[in-house]
Every structure is written in structure tokens, then in C-alpha cells.
N, C-alpha and C. Protein backbone atom coordinates (compact mmCIF):
# COMPACT_ATOMS: atom_id res chain seq x y z
N MET A 1 19.04 21.87 15.19
CA MET A 1 17.88 22.08 14.20
C MET A 1 16.87 23.11 14.96
N SER A 2 16.20 23.94 14.15
CA SER A 2 15.23 24.84 14.55
C SER A 2 13.90 24.11 14.74
N HIS A 3 13.10 24.44 15.79
CA HIS A 3 11.79 23.89 16.02
C HIS A 3 10.78 24.99 15.90
N GLN A 4 11.09 26.21 15.48
CA GLN A 4 9.92 27.03 15.04
C GLN A 4 9.14 26.59 13.94
N ALA A 5 7.86 27.20 13.62
CA ALA A 5 7.03 26.77 12.59
C ALA A 5 7.61 27.17 11.21
N HIS A 6 7.59 26.13 10.33
CA HIS A 6 7.99 26.49 8.85
C HIS A 6 6.89 25.96 7.90
N VAL A 7 7.09 26.48 6.63
CA VAL A 7 6.28 26.10 5.52
C VAL A 7 7.03 25.40 4.51
N LEU A 8 6.44 24.27 3.91
CA LEU A 8 7.21 23.62 2.77
C LEU A 8 6.20 23.82 1.65
N GLY A 9 7.08 24.26 0.50
CA GLY A 9 6.31 24.50 -0.79
C GLY A 9 7.07 23.47 -1.67
N ILE A 10 6.13 22.76 -2.39
CA ILE A 10 6.60 21.81 -3.55
C ILE A 10 6.04 22.21 -4.64
N ASP A 11 6.90 22.12 -5.80
CA ASP A 11 6.39 22.38 -7.20
C ASP A 11 6.96 21.35 -8.01
N ILE A 12 5.90 20.53 -8.50
CA ILE A 12 6.22 19.44 -9.55
C ILE A 12 6.06 19.84 -10.87
N GLY A 13 7.16 20.05 -11.56
CA GLY A 13 7.08 20.45 -12.88
C GLY A 13 7.33 19.35 -13.99
N THR A 14 7.40 19.59 -15.22
CA THR A 14 7.69 18.51 -16.25
C THR A 14 9.04 17.91 -16.01
N GLY A 15 10.12 18.80 -15.62
CA GLY A 15 11.42 18.34 -15.71
C GLY A 15 11.99 18.18 -14.35
N SER A 16 11.36 18.60 -13.33
CA SER A 16 12.00 18.42 -11.92
C SER A 16 10.86 18.66 -10.87
N ALA A 17 11.21 18.34 -9.67
CA ALA A 17 10.53 18.67 -8.48
C ALA A 17 11.38 19.61 -7.62
N ARG A 18 10.64 20.68 -7.18
CA ARG A 18 11.38 21.64 -6.47
C ARG A 18 10.63 21.86 -4.97
N ALA A 19 11.53 21.94 -4.03
CA ALA A 19 10.98 22.05 -2.75
C ALA A 19 11.62 23.31 -1.97
N GLY A 20 11.02 24.08 -1.38
CA GLY A 20 11.49 25.13 -0.59
C GLY A 20 10.91 25.21 0.78
N ILE A 21 11.73 25.64 1.83
CA ILE A 21 11.33 25.71 3.20
C ILE A 21 11.25 27.32 3.37
N PHE A 22 10.26 27.58 4.07
CA PHE A 22 9.87 29.11 4.29
C PHE A 22 9.44 29.35 5.74
N THR A 23 9.75 30.65 6.23
CA THR A 23 9.25 31.06 7.47
C THR A 23 7.70 31.30 7.20
N PRO A 24 6.98 31.42 8.20
CA PRO A 24 5.44 31.67 8.12
C PRO A 24 5.39 32.99 7.34
N ASP A 25 6.24 33.87 7.36
CA ASP A 25 5.99 35.21 6.87
C ASP A 25 6.50 35.32 5.38
N GLY A 26 6.94 34.10 4.94
CA GLY A 26 7.44 33.92 3.38
C GLY A 26 8.88 34.17 3.08
N VAL A 27 9.72 34.13 3.99
CA VAL A 27 11.12 34.26 3.77
C VAL A 27 11.65 32.73 3.44
N MET A 28 12.23 32.58 2.27
CA MET A 28 12.76 31.36 1.90
C MET A 28 13.97 31.00 2.53
N LEU A 29 14.16 29.87 3.18
CA LEU A 29 15.34 29.58 4.04
C LEU A 29 16.26 28.57 3.19
N ALA A 30 15.69 27.84 2.47
CA ALA A 30 16.45 26.99 1.44
C ALA A 30 15.56 26.38 0.52
N GLU A 31 16.12 25.85 -0.59
CA GLU A 31 15.49 25.16 -1.72
C GLU A 31 16.33 24.08 -2.28
N ALA A 32 15.62 23.10 -3.11
CA ALA A 32 16.34 22.08 -3.47
C ALA A 32 15.50 21.63 -4.79
N LYS A 33 16.17 21.05 -5.75
CA LYS A 33 15.59 20.60 -7.04
C LYS A 33 16.19 19.18 -7.33
N THR A 34 15.23 18.31 -7.74
CA THR A 34 15.60 17.00 -8.23
C THR A 34 14.99 16.81 -9.64
N PRO A 35 15.72 16.21 -10.66
CA PRO A 35 15.10 16.09 -11.90
C PRO A 35 14.34 14.91 -11.99
N ILE A 36 13.30 14.93 -12.94
CA ILE A 36 12.30 13.90 -13.24
C ILE A 36 12.64 13.33 -14.63
N ALA A 37 12.63 12.19 -14.65
CA ALA A 37 13.06 11.52 -16.01
C ALA A 37 11.77 11.51 -16.95
N MET A 38 12.15 11.57 -18.42
CA MET A 38 11.05 11.53 -19.35
C MET A 38 11.42 10.36 -20.35
N HIS A 39 10.24 9.77 -20.71
CA HIS A 39 10.49 8.57 -21.55
C HIS A 39 9.70 8.78 -22.92
N ARG A 40 10.37 8.73 -24.09
CA ARG A 40 9.78 8.96 -25.40
C ARG A 40 9.95 7.69 -26.12
N PRO A 41 8.93 6.76 -25.88
CA PRO A 41 9.14 5.44 -26.73
C PRO A 41 8.70 5.47 -28.07
N ALA A 42 8.09 6.47 -28.55
CA ALA A 42 7.68 6.64 -30.07
C ALA A 42 7.38 8.08 -30.15
N GLU A 43 7.35 8.44 -31.45
CA GLU A 43 6.95 9.84 -31.83
C GLU A 43 5.62 10.31 -31.16
N HIS A 44 5.69 11.57 -30.63
CA HIS A 44 4.61 12.23 -29.92
C HIS A 44 4.19 11.55 -28.75
N HIS A 45 4.95 10.47 -28.25
CA HIS A 45 4.66 9.93 -27.03
C HIS A 45 5.73 10.41 -25.89
N VAL A 46 5.15 10.83 -24.78
CA VAL A 46 5.86 11.49 -23.76
C VAL A 46 5.36 11.00 -22.52
N GLU A 47 6.17 10.16 -21.60
CA GLU A 47 5.69 9.34 -20.55
C GLU A 47 6.64 9.72 -19.27
N GLN A 48 6.06 9.47 -18.02
CA GLN A 48 6.86 9.64 -16.91
C GLN A 48 6.42 8.56 -16.02
N SER A 49 7.20 8.49 -14.86
CA SER A 49 6.82 7.47 -13.75
C SER A 49 6.37 8.18 -12.48
N SER A 50 5.15 7.65 -12.06
CA SER A 50 4.64 8.27 -10.79
C SER A 50 5.66 7.97 -9.61
N THR A 51 6.26 6.89 -9.64
CA THR A 51 7.27 6.46 -8.75
C THR A 51 8.66 7.33 -8.72
N ASP A 52 9.11 7.75 -9.91
CA ASP A 52 10.16 8.51 -10.10
C ASP A 52 9.81 9.95 -9.53
N ILE A 53 8.59 10.42 -9.80
CA ILE A 53 8.09 11.76 -9.39
C ILE A 53 8.16 11.76 -7.88
N TRP A 54 7.54 10.69 -7.44
CA TRP A 54 7.40 10.71 -5.88
C TRP A 54 8.80 10.59 -5.19
N HIS A 55 9.83 9.89 -5.81
CA HIS A 55 11.26 9.97 -5.27
C HIS A 55 11.84 11.41 -5.45
N ALA A 56 11.53 11.99 -6.53
CA ALA A 56 12.09 13.29 -6.75
C ALA A 56 11.47 14.38 -5.62
N VAL A 57 10.26 14.17 -5.36
CA VAL A 57 9.66 15.01 -4.52
C VAL A 57 10.21 14.72 -3.10
N CYS A 58 10.39 13.46 -2.66
CA CYS A 58 10.92 13.13 -1.37
C CYS A 58 12.34 13.63 -1.36
N SER A 59 13.25 13.43 -2.39
CA SER A 59 14.49 13.93 -2.25
C SER A 59 14.69 15.56 -2.24
N ALA A 60 14.02 16.31 -3.06
CA ALA A 60 14.11 17.68 -3.03
C ALA A 60 13.67 18.08 -1.63
N THR A 61 12.55 17.57 -1.14
CA THR A 61 12.00 17.90 0.29
C THR A 61 12.98 17.78 1.36
N GLN A 62 13.70 16.59 1.37
CA GLN A 62 14.71 16.23 2.36
C GLN A 62 15.73 17.09 2.40
N ARG A 63 16.31 17.39 1.07
CA ARG A 63 17.51 18.15 0.75
C ARG A 63 17.29 19.68 1.36
N ALA A 64 16.04 20.13 0.97
CA ALA A 64 15.73 21.50 1.34
C ALA A 64 15.67 21.67 2.79
N ARG A 65 15.03 20.68 3.48
CA ARG A 65 14.82 20.75 4.76
C ARG A 65 16.32 20.72 5.65
N GLU A 66 16.96 19.74 5.11
CA GLU A 66 18.32 19.77 5.76
C GLU A 66 19.22 20.93 5.52
N ALA A 67 19.05 21.43 4.28
CA ALA A 67 19.90 22.74 3.96
C ALA A 67 19.35 23.84 4.97
N ALA A 68 18.07 23.96 5.16
CA ALA A 68 17.47 25.04 6.09
C ALA A 68 17.82 24.73 7.55
N GLY A 69 18.10 23.49 7.80
CA GLY A 69 18.46 23.14 9.10
C GLY A 69 17.12 23.16 9.98
N VAL A 70 16.09 22.58 9.63
CA VAL A 70 14.89 22.58 10.34
C VAL A 70 14.31 21.06 10.60
N ALA A 71 13.90 20.91 11.75
CA ALA A 71 13.35 19.62 11.86
C ALA A 71 12.11 19.23 11.23
N SER A 72 11.88 18.15 10.75
CA SER A 72 10.65 17.80 10.00
C SER A 72 9.39 18.04 10.67
N ASP A 73 9.46 18.00 12.15
CA ASP A 73 8.11 18.20 12.89
C ASP A 73 7.91 19.70 12.98
N SER A 74 8.84 20.53 12.47
CA SER A 74 8.63 21.99 12.52
C SER A 74 7.83 22.37 11.18
N ILE A 75 7.58 21.62 10.30
CA ILE A 75 6.83 21.84 9.20
C ILE A 75 5.36 21.91 9.56
N THR A 76 4.68 23.01 9.59
CA THR A 76 3.26 23.12 10.07
C THR A 76 2.15 23.13 9.07
N SER A 77 2.77 23.60 7.79
CA SER A 77 1.88 23.60 6.47
C SER A 77 2.61 23.37 5.33
N MET A 78 1.99 23.15 4.25
CA MET A 78 2.68 22.91 2.98
C MET A 78 1.72 23.17 1.80
N SER A 79 2.32 23.49 0.76
CA SER A 79 1.53 23.87 -0.48
C SER A 79 2.14 23.00 -1.70
N VAL A 80 1.33 22.44 -2.44
CA VAL A 80 1.88 21.49 -3.60
C VAL A 80 1.21 22.07 -4.93
N SER A 81 2.05 22.28 -5.86
CA SER A 81 1.61 22.57 -7.27
C SER A 81 2.14 21.54 -8.25
N ALA A 82 1.47 21.25 -9.29
CA ALA A 82 1.89 20.33 -10.25
C ALA A 82 1.47 20.50 -11.56
N THR A 83 2.15 19.96 -12.59
CA THR A 83 1.69 20.02 -13.97
C THR A 83 0.50 19.15 -14.14
N CYS A 84 -0.33 19.32 -15.20
CA CYS A 84 -1.30 18.45 -15.50
C CYS A 84 -0.96 17.15 -16.27
N SER A 85 -1.19 15.94 -15.73
CA SER A 85 -0.93 14.75 -16.45
C SER A 85 -1.84 13.69 -16.17
N LEU A 86 -1.86 12.53 -16.93
CA LEU A 86 -2.73 11.46 -16.75
C LEU A 86 -2.01 10.27 -16.07
N VAL A 87 -2.19 9.93 -14.86
CA VAL A 87 -1.61 8.97 -14.21
C VAL A 87 -2.36 7.68 -14.14
N LEU A 88 -1.90 6.54 -14.60
CA LEU A 88 -2.54 5.20 -14.64
C LEU A 88 -2.18 4.28 -13.70
N LEU A 89 -3.29 3.86 -12.96
CA LEU A 89 -3.05 2.96 -11.80
C LEU A 89 -3.98 1.80 -12.04
N ASP A 90 -3.64 0.67 -11.55
CA ASP A 90 -4.54 -0.48 -11.55
C ASP A 90 -5.52 -0.45 -10.29
N LYS A 91 -6.32 -1.55 -10.25
CA LYS A 91 -7.41 -1.51 -9.27
C LYS A 91 -7.00 -1.33 -7.80
N GLN A 92 -5.48 -1.72 -7.62
CA GLN A 92 -4.91 -1.72 -6.41
C GLN A 92 -4.15 -0.42 -6.17
N ASP A 93 -4.24 0.48 -7.10
CA ASP A 93 -3.58 1.89 -7.01
C ASP A 93 -2.08 1.62 -7.29
N LYS A 94 -1.57 0.70 -8.04
CA LYS A 94 -0.33 0.36 -8.36
C LYS A 94 -0.21 0.92 -9.74
N PRO A 95 1.08 1.45 -10.10
CA PRO A 95 1.25 1.85 -11.45
C PRO A 95 1.06 1.00 -12.50
N LEU A 96 0.30 1.35 -13.59
CA LEU A 96 0.02 0.59 -14.70
C LEU A 96 0.70 1.07 -15.86
N ALA A 97 1.70 0.18 -16.42
CA ALA A 97 2.64 0.70 -17.45
C ALA A 97 2.01 0.94 -18.73
N LEU A 98 2.58 2.02 -19.40
CA LEU A 98 2.10 2.50 -20.67
C LEU A 98 3.03 1.74 -21.75
N SER A 99 4.27 1.67 -21.53
CA SER A 99 5.23 1.16 -22.41
C SER A 99 6.21 0.26 -21.83
N PRO A 100 6.71 -0.83 -22.47
CA PRO A 100 7.61 -1.74 -21.87
C PRO A 100 8.98 -1.04 -21.60
N GLY A 101 9.60 -1.55 -20.50
CA GLY A 101 11.10 -0.95 -20.38
C GLY A 101 11.39 -1.36 -18.89
N ASP A 102 12.37 -0.85 -18.43
CA ASP A 102 12.92 -1.12 -17.11
C ASP A 102 12.26 -0.42 -15.96
N GLU A 103 11.38 0.56 -16.28
CA GLU A 103 10.78 1.20 -15.40
C GLU A 103 9.27 1.38 -15.77
N THR A 104 8.34 1.52 -14.77
CA THR A 104 6.98 1.44 -14.97
C THR A 104 6.61 3.02 -15.49
N TRP A 105 6.57 3.30 -16.72
CA TRP A 105 6.18 4.57 -17.35
C TRP A 105 4.55 4.57 -17.23
N ASN A 106 4.08 5.20 -16.33
CA ASN A 106 2.52 5.25 -16.12
C ASN A 106 1.89 6.55 -16.10
N ILE A 107 2.63 7.54 -16.72
CA ILE A 107 2.04 8.92 -16.76
C ILE A 107 2.07 9.40 -18.16
N ILE A 108 1.00 9.75 -18.70
CA ILE A 108 0.95 10.45 -19.92
C ILE A 108 1.16 11.89 -19.73
N VAL A 109 2.30 12.50 -20.18
CA VAL A 109 2.70 13.72 -19.82
C VAL A 109 1.77 14.84 -20.81
N TRP A 110 1.53 16.04 -20.18
CA TRP A 110 0.81 16.98 -21.01
C TRP A 110 1.39 17.32 -22.34
N MET A 111 2.40 16.90 -22.78
CA MET A 111 3.07 17.33 -24.09
C MET A 111 3.00 16.23 -24.97
N ASP A 112 2.38 15.03 -24.57
CA ASP A 112 2.04 13.84 -25.32
C ASP A 112 0.98 14.09 -26.35
N HIS A 113 1.26 13.68 -27.64
CA HIS A 113 0.22 13.99 -28.65
C HIS A 113 -0.09 12.87 -29.26
N ARG A 114 -0.15 11.73 -28.71
CA ARG A 114 -0.41 10.39 -29.37
C ARG A 114 -2.02 10.36 -29.86
N ALA A 115 -2.84 11.17 -29.02
CA ALA A 115 -4.27 11.09 -29.48
C ALA A 115 -4.74 12.19 -30.20
N THR A 116 -3.97 12.78 -31.15
CA THR A 116 -4.27 14.01 -31.97
C THR A 116 -5.53 13.68 -32.80
N ALA A 117 -5.67 12.50 -33.42
CA ALA A 117 -6.72 12.14 -34.28
C ALA A 117 -7.94 11.96 -33.49
N GLU A 118 -7.94 11.32 -32.29
CA GLU A 118 -9.02 11.16 -31.44
C GLU A 118 -9.52 12.37 -31.03
N ALA A 119 -8.68 13.32 -30.65
CA ALA A 119 -8.96 14.69 -30.06
C ALA A 119 -9.84 15.52 -31.09
N ALA A 120 -9.35 15.35 -32.35
CA ALA A 120 -10.08 16.06 -33.59
C ALA A 120 -11.35 15.46 -33.85
N GLU A 121 -11.44 14.15 -33.65
CA GLU A 121 -12.94 13.50 -33.83
C GLU A 121 -13.79 13.87 -32.72
N CYS A 122 -13.23 14.01 -31.51
CA CYS A 122 -14.06 14.43 -30.33
C CYS A 122 -14.56 15.72 -30.78
N THR A 123 -13.73 16.67 -31.00
CA THR A 123 -14.03 18.07 -31.20
C THR A 123 -15.06 18.25 -32.28
N ALA A 124 -15.01 17.39 -33.20
CA ALA A 124 -15.85 17.57 -34.35
C ALA A 124 -17.38 17.17 -33.96
N THR A 125 -17.59 16.44 -32.87
CA THR A 125 -18.86 16.16 -32.45
C THR A 125 -19.72 17.33 -31.87
N GLN A 126 -18.85 18.34 -31.39
CA GLN A 126 -19.47 19.50 -30.77
C GLN A 126 -20.43 19.25 -29.59
N ALA A 127 -20.17 17.98 -29.01
CA ALA A 127 -20.92 17.53 -27.90
C ALA A 127 -20.92 18.35 -26.69
N ALA A 128 -22.02 18.35 -25.89
CA ALA A 128 -22.20 19.15 -24.87
C ALA A 128 -21.02 19.38 -23.90
N PRO A 129 -20.39 18.18 -23.49
CA PRO A 129 -19.36 18.37 -22.50
C PRO A 129 -18.23 19.30 -22.92
N LEU A 130 -17.97 19.47 -24.31
CA LEU A 130 -16.91 20.37 -24.71
C LEU A 130 -17.10 21.78 -24.27
N ARG A 131 -18.34 22.22 -23.89
CA ARG A 131 -18.43 23.48 -23.46
C ARG A 131 -17.81 23.83 -22.22
N ASN A 132 -17.63 22.77 -21.35
CA ASN A 132 -16.76 22.90 -20.18
C ASN A 132 -15.24 22.75 -20.47
N LEU A 133 -14.84 22.47 -21.67
CA LEU A 133 -13.47 22.13 -22.06
C LEU A 133 -12.93 23.24 -23.01
N GLY A 134 -13.61 24.24 -23.13
CA GLY A 134 -13.13 25.37 -24.12
C GLY A 134 -13.45 25.09 -25.57
N ALA A 135 -14.51 24.27 -25.68
CA ALA A 135 -15.04 23.90 -27.04
C ALA A 135 -14.15 22.92 -27.87
N SER A 136 -13.01 22.58 -27.28
CA SER A 136 -12.23 21.55 -28.13
C SER A 136 -11.58 20.70 -27.11
N CYS A 137 -11.16 19.50 -27.62
CA CYS A 137 -10.69 18.42 -27.04
C CYS A 137 -9.15 18.45 -27.36
N LEU A 138 -8.18 18.56 -26.41
CA LEU A 138 -6.69 18.60 -26.69
C LEU A 138 -6.22 17.16 -26.96
N PRO A 139 -5.14 17.06 -27.65
CA PRO A 139 -4.66 15.62 -27.93
C PRO A 139 -4.20 14.84 -26.67
N ARG A 140 -3.78 15.51 -25.50
CA ARG A 140 -3.66 14.81 -24.39
C ARG A 140 -4.86 14.50 -23.69
N CYS A 141 -5.89 14.92 -23.98
CA CYS A 141 -7.23 14.75 -23.22
C CYS A 141 -7.95 13.65 -23.95
N ARG A 142 -8.09 12.39 -23.56
CA ARG A 142 -8.54 11.45 -24.07
C ARG A 142 -10.08 11.25 -23.59
N CYS A 143 -10.82 12.28 -24.11
CA CYS A 143 -12.13 12.49 -23.69
C CYS A 143 -13.38 11.77 -24.53
N LEU A 144 -13.02 10.83 -25.28
CA LEU A 144 -14.00 10.17 -26.23
C LEU A 144 -15.12 9.79 -25.40
N SER A 145 -14.81 9.28 -24.19
CA SER A 145 -16.01 8.59 -23.41
C SER A 145 -16.88 9.60 -23.07
N SER A 146 -16.52 10.92 -22.78
CA SER A 146 -17.39 12.01 -22.36
C SER A 146 -17.96 12.67 -23.59
N CYS A 147 -17.29 12.65 -24.67
CA CYS A 147 -17.74 13.21 -25.94
C CYS A 147 -18.69 12.36 -27.03
N GLY A 148 -18.53 11.17 -26.78
CA GLY A 148 -19.27 10.27 -27.71
C GLY A 148 -20.63 10.06 -27.29
């Protein structure tokens, strides 16, 4: 395994976590992708599991590193990008389930629209915080506490 410096890039999207191993000058040596599960317990509800996402990130990272043939201690820097979602945790930072099931579905995904009526009500207030949100509240943005 190579012990020169390497960069790890991680991209967490809606459907998968992707990892790439790069040289410091940007040449990609290897990449790997692991799917992320989605749960749709009701119409307009789209949920994910932060535990599942973490496992997908770890899997993609390990497989990319192994494919590149680099030692973990050669990773000297990393960059992470991710989609915008709401993660629910309890007071002990443990996943807080949104819906019943075999897995703890504790993320409201960006495409979840269960709060459409509440978002419209919030937007109608024209409250001052909306100026920082583009003048409207999106269905996935449960901002009633800041708009009311």
C-alpha cells in the first residue's frame, strides 16, 4: 500500500454515498458508491436513516481506499458534501424515529412535502425571518417556530 499523501472526497446524495481517493493534485485513483435506502411510509413522506447513511459512507470510503491501494493513514485531507435534510436526534444524540418500522427512519429528506400546508401558512405571515429564506417557506422547512 502506498504511503504518500492522499485526499478523500465524499459526496452524500439522496440515493447514494460516493467516495473518491485522489492525489493532492486532483488525480482520481479510485471511487466507490453505496446506495442509501429511502422509506416512503405515506404520500408525500420521504425518510432516510442516519445510521444507514453513515454505513454507506463508511462502505464507499473503505472500498475506494482499498481499490486505490492506499493506507488509511495516507489520507491527509478530506472534503464532504451532502444534500440538505433534517436529522432528528434525541437528547443523547441517538436517532429519533419518524415512522414505525424495522429501521429507525430519522431523516426528513429534502423531497418530503408533508408540511405543505404549514409552509404556506408560514409564508402568508410575511414574517421578518422569511427575508433570509427567499421570502417563502418550503414544505420541507418546518419553520413555524421562526415565522410565527
